[in-house]
PDB file of all heavy atoms in Angstrom:
ATOM      1  N   HIS A   1       0.851  -1.182   0.000  1.00  0.00           N
ATOM      2  CA  HIS A   1       0.000   0.000   0.000  1.00  0.00           C
ATOM      3  C   HIS A   1       0.894   1.242   0.000  1.00  0.00           C
ATOM      4  O   HIS A   1       2.010   1.208   0.515  1.00  0.00           O
ATOM      5  CB  HIS A   1      -0.918   0.010   1.218  1.00  0.00           C
ATOM      6  CG  HIS A   1      -1.863  -1.151   1.251  1.00  0.00           C
ATOM      7  ND1 HIS A   1      -1.484  -2.399   1.692  1.00  0.00           N
ATOM      8  CD2 HIS A   1      -3.170  -1.241   0.889  1.00  0.00           C
ATOM      9  CE1 HIS A   1      -2.522  -3.220   1.609  1.00  0.00           C
ATOM     10  NE2 HIS A   1      -3.547  -2.543   1.127  1.00  0.00           N
ATOM     11  N   LEU A   2       0.392   2.335  -0.558  1.00  0.00           N
ATOM     12  CA  LEU A   2       1.205   3.542  -0.688  1.00  0.00           C
ATOM     13  C   LEU A   2       1.684   4.079   0.651  1.00  0.00           C
ATOM     14  O   LEU A   2       2.741   4.726   0.724  1.00  0.00           O
ATOM     15  CB  LEU A   2       0.424   4.628  -1.434  1.00  0.00           C
ATOM     16  CG  LEU A   2       0.207   4.394  -2.929  1.00  0.00           C
ATOM     17  CD1 LEU A   2      -0.626   5.512  -3.519  1.00  0.00           C
ATOM     18  CD2 LEU A   2       1.529   4.278  -3.666  1.00  0.00           C
ATOM     19  N   ASP A   3       0.916   3.839   1.712  1.00  0.00           N
ATOM     20  CA  ASP A   3       1.325   4.368   3.010  1.00  0.00           C
ATOM     21  C   ASP A   3       2.092   3.341   3.845  1.00  0.00           C
ATOM     22  O   ASP A   3       2.348   3.571   5.028  1.00  0.00           O
ATOM     23  CB  ASP A   3       0.113   4.883   3.784  1.00  0.00           C
ATOM     24  CG  ASP A   3      -0.959   3.819   3.992  1.00  0.00           C
ATOM     25  OD1 ASP A   3      -0.810   2.709   3.437  1.00  0.00           O
ATOM     26  OD2 ASP A   3      -1.918   4.098   4.715  1.00  0.00           O
ATOM     27  N   ASP A   4       2.488   2.213   3.239  1.00  0.00           N
ATOM     28  CA  ASP A   4       3.307   1.240   3.961  1.00  0.00           C
ATOM     29  C   ASP A   4       4.664   1.837   4.311  1.00  0.00           C
ATOM     30  O   ASP A   4       5.193   2.693   3.584  1.00  0.00           O
ATOM     31  CB  ASP A   4       3.525  -0.028   3.128  1.00  0.00           C
ATOM     32  CG  ASP A   4       2.290  -0.924   3.105  1.00  0.00           C
ATOM     33  OD1 ASP A   4       1.373  -0.667   3.899  1.00  0.00           O
ATOM     34  OD2 ASP A   4       2.249  -1.859   2.286  1.00  0.00           O
ATOM     35  N   ASP A   5       5.245   1.382   5.409  1.00  0.00           N
ATOM     36  CA  ASP A   5       6.542   1.870   5.846  1.00  0.00           C
ATOM     37  C   ASP A   5       7.620   1.496   4.827  1.00  0.00           C
ATOM     38  O   ASP A   5       7.757   0.325   4.454  1.00  0.00           O
ATOM     39  CB  ASP A   5       6.893   1.278   7.213  1.00  0.00           C
ATOM     40  CG  ASP A   5       8.224   1.805   7.724  1.00  0.00           C
ATOM     41  OD1 ASP A   5       8.282   2.990   8.082  1.00  0.00           O
ATOM     42  OD2 ASP A   5       9.195   1.017   7.741  1.00  0.00           O
ATOM     43  N   MET A   6       8.365   2.500   4.377  1.00  0.00           N
ATOM     44  CA  MET A   6       9.380   2.246   3.352  1.00  0.00           C
ATOM     45  C   MET A   6      10.619   1.582   3.925  1.00  0.00           C
ATOM     46  O   MET A   6      11.314   0.833   3.228  1.00  0.00           O
ATOM     47  CB  MET A   6       9.758   3.559   2.664  1.00  0.00           C
ATOM     48  CG  MET A   6       8.673   4.139   1.782  1.00  0.00           C
ATOM     49  SD  MET A   6       9.190   5.652   0.957  1.00  0.00           S
ATOM     50  CE  MET A   6       9.182   6.808   2.346  1.00  0.00           C
ATOM     51  N   ASN A   7      10.921   1.847   5.176  1.00  0.00           N
ATOM     52  CA  ASN A   7      12.152   1.311   5.766  1.00  0.00           C
ATOM     53  C   ASN A   7      12.039  -0.174   6.076  1.00  0.00           C
ATOM     54  O   ASN A   7      12.929  -0.963   5.751  1.00  0.00           O
ATOM     55  CB  ASN A   7      12.507   2.097   7.029  1.00  0.00           C
ATOM     56  CG  ASN A   7      12.822   3.546   6.722  1.00  0.00           C
ATOM     57  OD1 ASN A   7      13.481   3.853   5.719  1.00  0.00           O
ATOM     58  ND2 ASN A   7      12.358   4.457   7.568  1.00  0.00           N
ATOM     59  N   SER A   8      10.925  -0.582   6.684  1.00  0.00           N
ATOM     60  CA  SER A   8      10.784  -1.986   7.045  1.00  0.00           C
ATOM     61  C   SER A   8      10.370  -2.858   5.866  1.00  0.00           C
ATOM     62  O   SER A   8      10.526  -4.082   5.897  1.00  0.00           O
ATOM     63  CB  SER A   8       9.758  -2.137   8.180  1.00  0.00           C
ATOM     64  OG  SER A   8       8.476  -1.703   7.747  1.00  0.00           O
ATOM     65  N   GLU A   9       9.831  -2.220   4.797  1.00  0.00           N
ATOM     66  CA  GLU A   9       9.349  -2.988   3.652  1.00  0.00           C
ATOM     67  C   GLU A   9      10.193  -2.740   2.403  1.00  0.00           C
ATOM     68  O   GLU A   9       9.729  -2.950   1.277  1.00  0.00           O
ATOM     69  CB  GLU A   9       7.889  -2.603   3.353  1.00  0.00           C
ATOM     70  CG  GLU A   9       6.919  -2.851   4.488  1.00  0.00           C
ATOM     71  CD  GLU A   9       6.598  -4.330   4.642  1.00  0.00           C
ATOM     72  OE1 GLU A   9       6.915  -5.113   3.725  1.00  0.00           O
ATOM     73  OE2 GLU A   9       6.032  -4.702   5.686  1.00  0.00           O
ATOM     74  N   THR A  10      11.427  -2.302   2.588  1.00  0.00           N
ATOM     75  CA  THR A  10      12.257  -1.929   1.444  1.00  0.00           C
ATOM     76  C   THR A  10      12.384  -3.046   0.425  1.00  0.00           C
ATOM     77  O   THR A  10      12.255  -2.827  -0.792  1.00  0.00           O
ATOM     78  CB  THR A  10      13.663  -1.511   1.912  1.00  0.00           C
ATOM     79  OG1 THR A  10      13.550  -0.396   2.787  1.00  0.00           O
ATOM     80  CG2 THR A  10      14.536  -1.130   0.722  1.00  0.00           C
ATOM     81  N   ALA A  11      12.624  -4.264   0.884  1.00  0.00           N
ATOM     82  CA  ALA A  11      12.810  -5.391  -0.031  1.00  0.00           C
ATOM     83  C   ALA A  11      11.557  -5.627  -0.863  1.00  0.00           C
ATOM     84  O   ALA A  11      11.640  -5.920  -2.068  1.00  0.00           O
ATOM     85  CB  ALA A  11      13.173  -6.647   0.761  1.00  0.00           C
ATOM     86  N   ALA A  12      10.387  -5.498  -0.229  1.00  0.00           N
ATOM     87  CA  ALA A  12       9.134  -5.721  -0.953  1.00  0.00           C
ATOM     88  C   ALA A  12       8.921  -4.657  -2.030  1.00  0.00           C
ATOM     89  O   ALA A  12       8.478  -4.953  -3.147  1.00  0.00           O
ATOM     90  CB  ALA A  12       7.962  -5.727   0.027  1.00  0.00           C
ATOM     91  N   TRP A  13       9.243  -3.400  -1.705  1.00  0.00           N
ATOM     92  CA  TRP A  13       9.137  -2.324  -2.697  1.00  0.00           C
ATOM     93  C   TRP A  13      10.078  -2.591  -3.864  1.00  0.00           C
ATOM     94  O   TRP A  13       9.712  -2.417  -5.032  1.00  0.00           O
ATOM     95  CB  TRP A  13       9.466  -0.977  -2.064  1.00  0.00           C
ATOM     96  CG  TRP A  13       8.412  -0.429  -1.154  1.00  0.00           C
ATOM     97  CD1 TRP A  13       8.405  -0.469   0.209  1.00  0.00           C
ATOM     98  CD2 TRP A  13       7.210   0.247  -1.527  1.00  0.00           C
ATOM     99  NE1 TRP A  13       7.279   0.126   0.715  1.00  0.00           N
ATOM    100  CE2 TRP A  13       6.520   0.586  -0.329  1.00  0.00           C
ATOM    101  CE3 TRP A  13       6.647   0.596  -2.740  1.00  0.00           C
ATOM    102  CZ2 TRP A  13       5.310   1.263  -0.330  1.00  0.00           C
ATOM    103  CZ3 TRP A  13       5.430   1.274  -2.747  1.00  0.00           C
ATOM    104  CH2 TRP A  13       4.776   1.604  -1.561  1.00  0.00           C
ATOM    105  N   GLN A  14      11.300  -2.989  -3.551  1.00  0.00           N
ATOM    106  CA  GLN A  14      12.272  -3.264  -4.608  1.00  0.00           C
ATOM    107  C   GLN A  14      11.819  -4.421  -5.485  1.00  0.00           C
ATOM    108  O   GLN A  14      11.974  -4.392  -6.711  1.00  0.00           O
ATOM    109  CB  GLN A  14      13.641  -3.552  -3.991  1.00  0.00           C
ATOM    110  CG  GLN A  14      14.286  -2.332  -3.337  1.00  0.00           C
ATOM    111  CD  GLN A  14      15.582  -2.665  -2.622  1.00  0.00           C
ATOM    112  OE1 GLN A  14      15.850  -3.835  -2.314  1.00  0.00           O
ATOM    113  NE2 GLN A  14      16.389  -1.651  -2.354  1.00  0.00           N
ATOM    114  N   GLU A  15      11.272  -5.447  -4.866  1.00  0.00           N
ATOM    115  CA  GLU A  15      10.785  -6.596  -5.623  1.00  0.00           C
ATOM    116  C   GLU A  15       9.640  -6.200  -6.552  1.00  0.00           C
ATOM    117  O   GLU A  15       9.503  -6.744  -7.656  1.00  0.00           O
ATOM    118  CB  GLU A  15      10.329  -7.703  -4.668  1.00  0.00           C
ATOM    119  CG  GLU A  15       9.916  -8.985  -5.370  1.00  0.00           C
ATOM    120  CD  GLU A  15       9.544 -10.089  -4.394  1.00  0.00           C
ATOM    121  OE1 GLU A  15       9.803  -9.928  -3.174  1.00  0.00           O
ATOM    122  OE2 GLU A  15       8.990 -11.112  -4.839  1.00  0.00           O
ATOM    123  N   ALA A  16       8.839  -5.249  -6.116  1.00  0.00           N
ATOM    124  CA  ALA A  16       7.737  -4.766  -6.945  1.00  0.00           C
ATOM    125  C   ALA A  16       8.222  -3.862  -8.075  1.00  0.00           C
ATOM    126  O   ALA A  16       7.448  -3.540  -8.985  1.00  0.00           O
ATOM    127  CB  ALA A  16       6.724  -4.020  -6.085  1.00  0.00           C
ATOM    128  N   GLY A  17       9.487  -3.459  -8.021  1.00  0.00           N
ATOM    129  CA  GLY A  17      10.034  -2.606  -9.074  1.00  0.00           C
ATOM    130  C   GLY A  17       9.724  -1.146  -8.913  1.00  0.00           C
ATOM    131  O   GLY A  17       9.735  -0.383  -9.898  1.00  0.00           O
ATOM    132  N   VAL A  18       9.455  -0.714  -7.680  1.00  0.00           N
ATOM    133  CA  VAL A  18       9.129   0.696  -7.412  1.00  0.00           C
ATOM    134  C   VAL A  18      10.342   1.389  -6.827  1.00  0.00           C
ATOM    135  O   VAL A  18      10.912   0.940  -5.819  1.00  0.00           O
ATOM    136  CB  VAL A  18       7.932   0.811  -6.440  1.00  0.00           C
ATOM    137  CG1 VAL A  18       7.654   2.275  -6.107  1.00  0.00           C
ATOM    138  CG2 VAL A  18       6.698   0.159  -7.047  1.00  0.00           C
ATOM    139  N   THR A  19      10.774   2.481  -7.443  1.00  0.00           N
ATOM    140  CA  THR A  19      11.883   3.274  -6.929  1.00  0.00           C
ATOM    141  C   THR A  19      11.422   4.079  -5.730  1.00  0.00           C
ATOM    142  O   THR A  19      10.397   4.774  -5.778  1.00  0.00           O
ATOM    143  CB  THR A  19      12.426   4.226  -8.013  1.00  0.00           C
ATOM    144  OG1 THR A  19      12.847   3.455  -9.139  1.00  0.00           O
ATOM    145  CG2 THR A  19      13.592   5.042  -7.484  1.00  0.00           C
ATOM    146  N   LEU A  20      12.182   4.006  -4.637  1.00  0.00           N
ATOM    147  CA  LEU A  20      11.814   4.687  -3.398  1.00  0.00           C
ATOM    148  C   LEU A  20      12.563   6.011  -3.238  1.00  0.00           C
ATOM    149  O   LEU A  20      13.646   6.193  -3.814  1.00  0.00           O
ATOM    150  CB  LEU A  20      12.122   3.788  -2.195  1.00  0.00           C
ATOM    151  CG  LEU A  20      11.304   2.504  -2.080  1.00  0.00           C
ATOM    152  CD1 LEU A  20      11.783   1.683  -0.885  1.00  0.00           C
ATOM    153  CD2 LEU A  20       9.820   2.809  -1.952  1.00  0.00           C
ATOM    154  N   PRO A  21      12.031   6.932  -2.447  1.00  0.00           N
ATOM    155  CA  PRO A  21      12.742   8.174  -2.154  1.00  0.00           C
ATOM    156  C   PRO A  21      14.074   7.881  -1.461  1.00  0.00           C
ATOM    157  O   PRO A  21      14.196   6.903  -0.708  1.00  0.00           O
ATOM    158  CB  PRO A  21      11.795   8.923  -1.223  1.00  0.00           C
ATOM    159  CG  PRO A  21      10.455   8.309  -1.438  1.00  0.00           C
ATOM    160  CD  PRO A  21      10.703   6.889  -1.799  1.00  0.00           C
ATOM    161  N   ALA A  22      15.053   8.750  -1.710  1.00  0.00           N
ATOM    162  CA  ALA A  22      16.374   8.582  -1.088  1.00  0.00           C
ATOM    163  C   ALA A  22      16.563   9.533   0.082  1.00  0.00           C
ATOM    164  O   ALA A  22      17.685   9.775   0.512  1.00  0.00           O
ATOM    165  CB  ALA A  22      17.469   8.812  -2.135  1.00  0.00           C
ATOM    166  N   PHE A  23      15.470  10.068   0.620  1.00  0.00           N
ATOM    167  CA  PHE A  23      15.555  11.017   1.726  1.00  0.00           C
ATOM    168  C   PHE A  23      14.631  10.559   2.849  1.00  0.00           C
ATOM    169  O   PHE A  23      13.742   9.717   2.639  1.00  0.00           O
ATOM    170  CB  PHE A  23      15.181  12.432   1.275  1.00  0.00           C
ATOM    171  CG  PHE A  23      13.809  12.525   0.658  1.00  0.00           C
ATOM    172  CD1 PHE A  23      12.687  12.829   1.433  1.00  0.00           C
ATOM    173  CD2 PHE A  23      13.623  12.314  -0.705  1.00  0.00           C
ATOM    174  CE1 PHE A  23      11.429  12.906   0.866  1.00  0.00           C
ATOM    175  CE2 PHE A  23      12.358  12.391  -1.282  1.00  0.00           C
ATOM    176  CZ  PHE A  23      11.261  12.687  -0.499  1.00  0.00           C
ATOM    177  N   ASP A  24      14.822  11.114   4.024  1.00  0.00           N
ATOM    178  CA  ASP A  24      13.986  10.788   5.167  1.00  0.00           C
ATOM    179  C   ASP A  24      12.719  11.638   5.115  1.00  0.00           C
ATOM    180  O   ASP A  24      12.787  12.874   5.250  1.00  0.00           O
ATOM    181  CB  ASP A  24      14.745  11.045   6.471  1.00  0.00           C
ATOM    182  CG  ASP A  24      13.920  10.667   7.689  1.00  0.00           C
ATOM    183  OD1 ASP A  24      13.908   9.476   8.038  1.00  0.00           O
ATOM    184  OD2 ASP A  24      13.275  11.575   8.268  1.00  0.00           O
ATOM    185  N   THR A  25      11.586  11.000   4.912  1.00  0.00           N
ATOM    186  CA  THR A  25      10.356  11.753   4.710  1.00  0.00           C
ATOM    187  C   THR A  25       9.900  12.469   5.979  1.00  0.00           C
ATOM    188  O   THR A  25       9.325  13.568   5.903  1.00  0.00           O
ATOM    189  CB  THR A  25       9.238  10.821   4.209  1.00  0.00           C
ATOM    190  OG1 THR A  25       9.065   9.744   5.141  1.00  0.00           O
ATOM    191  CG2 THR A  25       9.594  10.242   2.849  1.00  0.00           C
ATOM    192  N   THR A  26      10.153  11.878   7.140  1.00  0.00           N
ATOM    193  CA  THR A  26       9.753  12.526   8.394  1.00  0.00           C
ATOM    194  C   THR A  26      10.516  13.825   8.593  1.00  0.00           C
ATOM    195  O   THR A  26       9.928  14.873   8.920  1.00  0.00           O
ATOM    196  CB  THR A  26       9.989  11.583   9.584  1.00  0.00           C
ATOM    197  OG1 THR A  26       9.221  10.392   9.405  1.00  0.00           O
ATOM    198  CG2 THR A  26       9.586  12.262  10.887  1.00  0.00           C
ATOM    199  N   SER A  27      11.815  13.796   8.386  1.00  0.00           N
ATOM    200  CA  SER A  27      12.639  15.005   8.520  1.00  0.00           C
ATOM    201  C   SER A  27      12.232  16.054   7.497  1.00  0.00           C
ATOM    202  O   SER A  27      12.186  17.258   7.799  1.00  0.00           O
ATOM    203  CB  SER A  27      14.115  14.655   8.365  1.00  0.00           C
ATOM    204  OG  SER A  27      14.526  13.767   9.378  1.00  0.00           O
ATOM    205  N   MET A  28      11.936  15.596   6.270  1.00  0.00           N
ATOM    206  CA  MET A  28      11.528  16.527   5.223  1.00  0.00           C
ATOM    207  C   MET A  28      10.250  17.258   5.616  1.00  0.00           C
ATOM    208  O   MET A  28      10.146  18.485   5.472  1.00  0.00           O
ATOM    209  CB  MET A  28      11.327  15.772   3.906  1.00  0.00           C
ATOM    210  CG  MET A  28      10.836  16.638   2.743  1.00  0.00           C
ATOM    211  SD  MET A  28       9.025  16.877   2.681  1.00  0.00           S
ATOM    212  CE  MET A  28       8.466  15.206   2.336  1.00  0.00           C
ATOM    213  N   ARG A  29       9.285  16.530   6.134  1.00  0.00           N
ATOM    214  CA  ARG A  29       8.015  17.159   6.493  1.00  0.00           C
ATOM    215  C   ARG A  29       8.185  18.136   7.652  1.00  0.00           C
ATOM    216  O   ARG A  29       7.586  19.218   7.650  1.00  0.00           O
ATOM    217  CB  ARG A  29       6.982  16.084   6.843  1.00  0.00           C
ATOM    218  CG  ARG A  29       6.558  15.265   5.631  1.00  0.00           C
ATOM    219  CD  ARG A  29       5.439  14.296   5.954  1.00  0.00           C
ATOM    220  NE  ARG A  29       5.048  13.549   4.767  1.00  0.00           N
ATOM    221  CZ  ARG A  29       3.973  12.759   4.682  1.00  0.00           C
ATOM    222  NH1 ARG A  29       3.182  12.634   5.744  1.00  0.00           N
ATOM    223  NH2 ARG A  29       3.693  12.117   3.572  1.00  0.00           N
ATOM    224  N   GLN A  30       9.014  17.775   8.598  1.00  0.00           N
ATOM    225  CA  GLN A  30       9.259  18.677   9.724  1.00  0.00           C
ATOM    226  C   GLN A  30       9.909  19.967   9.246  1.00  0.00           C
ATOM    227  O   GLN A  30       9.486  21.073   9.631  1.00  0.00           O
ATOM    228  CB  GLN A  30      10.142  17.978  10.760  1.00  0.00           C
ATOM    229  CG  GLN A  30       9.445  16.845  11.509  1.00  0.00           C
ATOM    230  CD  GLN A  30      10.378  16.094  12.436  1.00  0.00           C
ATOM    231  OE1 GLN A  30      11.606  16.224  12.352  1.00  0.00           O
ATOM    232  NE2 GLN A  30       9.808  15.287  13.334  1.00  0.00           N
ATOM    233  N   ALA A  31      10.936  19.846   8.400  1.00  0.00           N
ATOM    234  CA  ALA A  31      11.640  21.033   7.906  1.00  0.00           C
ATOM    235  C   ALA A  31      10.720  21.905   7.066  1.00  0.00           C
ATOM    236  O   ALA A  31      10.741  23.147   7.169  1.00  0.00           O
ATOM    237  CB  ALA A  31      12.864  20.612   7.090  1.00  0.00           C
ATOM    238  N   THR A  32       9.903  21.286   6.239  1.00  0.00           N
ATOM    239  CA  THR A  32       8.999  22.048   5.364  1.00  0.00           C
ATOM    240  C   THR A  32       7.946  22.790   6.166  1.00  0.00           C
ATOM    241  O   THR A  32       7.664  23.965   5.908  1.00  0.00           O
ATOM    242  CB  THR A  32       8.327  21.105   4.358  1.00  0.00           C
ATOM    243  OG1 THR A  32       9.318  20.365   3.648  1.00  0.00           O
ATOM    244  CG2 THR A  32       7.492  21.890   3.361  1.00  0.00           C
ATOM    245  N   ASN A  33       7.361  22.122   7.126  1.00  0.00           N
ATOM    246  CA  ASN A  33       6.312  22.760   7.916  1.00  0.00           C
ATOM    247  C   ASN A  33       6.850  23.858   8.820  1.00  0.00           C
ATOM    248  O   ASN A  33       6.139  24.822   9.128  1.00  0.00           O
ATOM    249  CB  ASN A  33       5.570  21.699   8.729  1.00  0.00           C
ATOM    250  CG  ASN A  33       4.725  20.783   7.849  1.00  0.00           C
ATOM    251  OD1 ASN A  33       4.116  21.238   6.894  1.00  0.00           O
ATOM    252  ND2 ASN A  33       4.691  19.497   8.165  1.00  0.00           N
ATOM    253  N   GLN A  34       8.118  23.738   9.226  1.00  0.00           N
ATOM    254  CA  GLN A  34       8.728  24.783  10.036  1.00  0.00           C
ATOM    255  C   GLN A  34       9.062  26.010   9.208  1.00  0.00           C
ATOM    256  O   GLN A  34       8.905  27.142   9.670  1.00  0.00           O
ATOM    257  CB  GLN A  34       9.994  24.246  10.708  1.00  0.00           C
ATOM    258  CG  GLN A  34       9.716  23.265  11.838  1.00  0.00           C
ATOM    259  CD  GLN A  34      10.991  22.639  12.371  1.00  0.00           C
ATOM    260  OE1 GLN A  34      12.100  22.961  11.912  1.00  0.00           O
ATOM    261  NE2 GLN A  34      10.852  21.736  13.336  1.00  0.00           N
ATOM    262  N   SER A  35       9.502  25.803   7.971  1.00  0.00           N
ATOM    263  CA  SER A  35       9.889  26.929   7.121  1.00  0.00           C
ATOM    264  C   SER A  35       9.712  26.555   5.657  1.00  0.00           C
ATOM    265  O   SER A  35      10.648  26.134   4.984  1.00  0.00           O
ATOM    266  CB  SER A  35      11.346  27.333   7.388  1.00  0.00           C
ATOM    267  OG  SER A  35      11.683  28.484   6.636  1.00  0.00           O
ATOM    268  N   PRO A  36       8.502  26.695   5.121  1.00  0.00           N
ATOM    269  CA  PRO A  36       8.227  26.286   3.745  1.00  0.00           C
ATOM    270  C   PRO A  36       8.877  27.218   2.734  1.00  0.00           C
ATOM    271  O   PRO A  36       9.034  28.420   2.994  1.00  0.00           O
ATOM    272  CB  PRO A  36       6.704  26.354   3.663  1.00  0.00           C
ATOM    273  CG  PRO A  36       6.321  27.377   4.688  1.00  0.00           C
ATOM    274  CD  PRO A  36       7.312  27.226   5.803  1.00  0.00           C
ATOM    275  N   VAL A  37       9.217  26.659   1.576  1.00  0.00           N
ATOM    276  CA  VAL A  37       9.785  27.475   0.499  1.00  0.00           C
ATOM    277  C   VAL A  37       8.953  27.414  -0.776  1.00  0.00           C
ATOM    278  O   VAL A  37       9.065  28.284  -1.632  1.00  0.00           O
ATOM    279  CB  VAL A  37      11.241  27.056   0.170  1.00  0.00           C
ATOM    280  CG1 VAL A  37      12.138  27.250   1.375  1.00  0.00           C
ATOM    281  CG2 VAL A  37      11.317  25.619  -0.321  1.00  0.00           C
ATOM    282  N   TRP A  38       8.098  26.382  -0.936  1.00  0.00           N
ATOM    283  CA  TRP A  38       7.412  26.171  -2.215  1.00  0.00           C
ATOM    284  C   TRP A  38       5.979  25.718  -1.958  1.00  0.00           C
ATOM    285  O   TRP A  38       5.744  24.705  -1.308  1.00  0.00           O
ATOM    286  CB  TRP A  38       8.175  25.129  -3.017  1.00  0.00           C
ATOM    287  CG  TRP A  38       7.677  24.870  -4.418  1.00  0.00           C
ATOM    288  CD1 TRP A  38       6.599  25.419  -5.043  1.00  0.00           C
ATOM    289  CD2 TRP A  38       8.271  23.975  -5.369  1.00  0.00           C
ATOM    290  NE1 TRP A  38       6.480  24.929  -6.314  1.00  0.00           N
ATOM    291  CE2 TRP A  38       7.491  24.043  -6.551  1.00  0.00           C
ATOM    292  CE3 TRP A  38       9.374  23.116  -5.321  1.00  0.00           C
ATOM    293  CZ2 TRP A  38       7.791  23.275  -7.674  1.00  0.00           C
ATOM    294  CZ3 TRP A  38       9.678  22.362  -6.445  1.00  0.00           C
ATOM    295  CH2 TRP A  38       8.901  22.446  -7.614  1.00  0.00           C
ATOM    296  N   VAL A  39       5.027  26.506  -2.473  1.00  0.00           N
ATOM    297  CA  VAL A  39       3.607  26.151  -2.424  1.00  0.00           C
ATOM    298  C   VAL A  39       3.103  26.035  -3.857  1.00  0.00           C
ATOM    299  O   VAL A  39       3.433  26.874  -4.703  1.00  0.00           O
ATOM    300  CB  VAL A  39       2.780  27.205  -1.670  1.00  0.00           C
ATOM    301  CG1 VAL A  39       1.286  26.872  -1.738  1.00  0.00           C
ATOM    302  CG2 VAL A  39       3.223  27.302  -0.222  1.00  0.00           C
TER     303      VAL A  39
END
């Protein structure tokens, strides 16, 4: 599912042939919400 955890399910995503983000999504959301640059 799209909201499945990417870290614990990495192998399953790779097996499905889906390229995953190379950044930490939690940190990204925190930084964006604290000081957004693009709407």
